[in-house]
Protein backbone atom coordinates (compact mmCIF):
# COMPACT_ATOMS: atom_id res chain seq x y z
CA UNK A 1 -17.22 -7.99 27.41
CA UNK A 2 -16.01 -5.85 24.74
CA UNK A 3 -14.38 -2.66 24.90
CA UNK A 4 -13.12 0.09 22.05
CA UNK A 5 -10.42 2.33 22.20
CA UNK A 6 -8.83 4.68 20.36
CA UNK A 7 -11.56 7.39 19.88
CA UNK A 8 -10.82 11.32 19.90
CA UNK A 9 -10.89 14.48 18.37
CA UNK A 10 -9.34 14.73 14.58
CA UNK A 11 -9.32 17.30 12.28
CA UNK A 12 -10.77 16.31 8.48
CA UNK A 13 -8.64 14.80 6.47
CA UNK A 14 -6.78 12.95 9.60
CA UNK A 15 -6.61 9.11 10.70
CA UNK A 16 -7.32 7.41 13.73
CA UNK A 17 -7.11 3.71 14.68
CA UNK A 18 -10.17 2.13 16.74
CA UNK A 19 -9.29 -0.82 18.64
CA UNK A 20 -11.70 -3.48 19.79
CA UNK A 21 -11.05 -6.11 22.85
CA UNK A 22 -12.56 -8.89 25.15
CA UNK A 23 -12.05 -8.91 29.09
CA UNK A 24 -12.62 -12.82 29.62
CA UNK A 25 -13.20 -14.00 26.30
CA UNK A 26 -11.56 -14.70 22.95
CA UNK A 27 -12.71 -12.92 20.14
CA UNK A 28 -11.40 -15.95 17.60
CA UNK A 29 -14.28 -17.40 16.96
CA UNK A 30 -16.49 -14.43 16.19
CA UNK A 31 -17.29 -12.37 13.59
CA UNK A 32 -16.66 -8.89 14.58
CA UNK A 33 -18.14 -5.37 12.86
CA UNK A 34 -17.99 -1.59 13.82
CA UNK A 35 -20.94 0.11 13.99
CA UNK A 36 -21.35 3.81 14.16
CA UNK A 37 -24.33 5.75 15.52
CA UNK A 38 -24.52 9.97 15.72
CA UNK A 39 -27.73 12.14 17.31
CA UNK A 40 -30.55 11.26 14.95
CA UNK A 41 -29.15 8.79 12.67
CA UNK A 42 -29.78 5.12 12.85
CA UNK A 43 -27.05 2.92 13.90
CA UNK A 44 -24.50 2.12 11.17
CA UNK A 45 -22.74 -1.17 10.24
CA UNK A 46 -19.58 0.38 9.00
CA UNK A 47 -17.10 -2.65 8.64
CA UNK A 48 -17.33 -5.85 9.75
CA UNK A 49 -14.68 -9.21 9.22
CA UNK A 50 -14.64 -13.28 9.99
CA UNK A 51 -13.05 -14.80 12.22
CA UNK A 52 -10.01 -15.79 10.27
CA UNK A 53 -9.66 -12.76 8.85
CA UNK A 54 -9.76 -13.35 5.21
CA UNK A 55 -13.31 -11.75 4.12
CA UNK A 56 -13.96 -8.16 5.31
CA UNK A 57 -16.78 -5.87 4.15
CA UNK A 58 -18.04 -2.49 4.28
CA UNK A 59 -20.14 0.67 4.15
CA UNK A 60 -20.35 2.66 0.87
CA UNK A 61 -20.00 5.21 2.74
CA UNK A 62 -16.31 4.39 4.13
CA UNK A 63 -15.13 2.29 1.68
CA UNK A 64 -11.86 3.24 0.48
CA UNK A 65 -10.93 5.18 3.75
CA UNK A 66 -11.59 2.58 6.39
CA UNK A 67 -9.83 -0.73 6.65
CA UNK A 68 -11.08 -3.01 9.43
CA UNK A 69 -8.30 -6.03 10.38
CA UNK A 70 -7.62 -8.41 13.31
CA UNK A 71 -5.19 -9.79 15.30
CA UNK A 72 -6.29 -12.83 16.79
CA UNK A 73 -3.24 -13.65 18.56
CA UNK A 74 -3.50 -10.19 20.16
CA UNK A 75 -7.27 -11.23 20.75
CA UNK A 76 -7.90 -7.39 18.78
CA UNK A 77 -10.02 -5.88 16.12
CA UNK A 78 -8.88 -2.86 14.26
CA UNK A 79 -10.64 -0.02 12.59
CA UNK A 80 -8.14 2.25 10.59
CA UNK A 81 -9.85 5.51 9.34
CA UNK A 82 -8.40 7.88 7.25
CA UNK A 83 -9.37 11.13 5.27
CA UNK A 84 -11.69 11.39 7.81
CA UNK A 85 -14.67 13.88 7.48
CA UNK A 86 -16.50 15.65 9.46
CA UNK A 87 -20.04 13.20 9.06
CA UNK A 88 -17.86 10.59 10.31
CA UNK A 89 -18.36 11.76 14.16
CA UNK A 90 -20.01 9.28 15.84
CA UNK A 91 -19.78 6.99 18.34
CA UNK A 92 -18.46 3.80 17.49
CA UNK A 93 -19.14 0.75 18.36
CA UNK A 94 -17.98 -3.01 18.17
CA UNK A 95 -19.97 -6.18 18.09
CA UNK A 96 -19.75 -9.66 17.91
CA UNK A 97 -21.49 -12.84 16.60
CA UNK A 98 -20.82 -16.36 16.78
CA UNK A 99 -21.17 -18.35 13.69
CA UNK A 100 -24.64 -19.58 13.95
CA UNK A 101 -26.05 -16.80 15.54
CA UNK A 102 -28.62 -14.45 13.69
CA UNK A 103 -27.63 -11.11 15.14
CA UNK A 104 -25.15 -9.30 16.96
CA UNK A 105 -24.52 -11.41 20.71
CA UNK A 106 -22.34 -8.75 22.17
CA UNK A 107 -21.40 -4.89 21.94
CA UNK A 108 -19.09 -2.67 23.64
CA UNK A 109 -20.13 0.79 25.11
CA UNK A 110 -18.86 2.52 22.64
CA UNK A 111 -15.77 5.27 21.64
CA UNK A 112 -16.90 8.69 20.92
CA UNK A 113 -14.95 9.78 17.45
CA UNK A 114 -14.98 14.21 16.49
CA UNK A 115 -13.85 14.93 13.32
CA UNK A 116 -13.37 18.75 13.58
CA UNK A 117 -11.43 21.72 12.67
């Protein structure tokens, strides 16, 4: 099971770091994605990282502001979010995908990020 940490309220221009951990399993062999969804909008994949951490990708909406990373020794994947904007407000989820899987196999329950003054 995946668990997200680190959401909260932040002012525009501020920063937050989200963490994604796994209870009862290891993330090392999974690609991990961070997704977000806000009311009335479709879920958006904002970033993903491969198992070894040497390949990442980002949505255009967050590129240059968000950074995904992982520490397999700590069984944790991070999403560093800088220069946050009100439109970044959403529930953020992490998901894991095995190498041969066509989709995302495991999901967390999400953590709310609110960007507001």
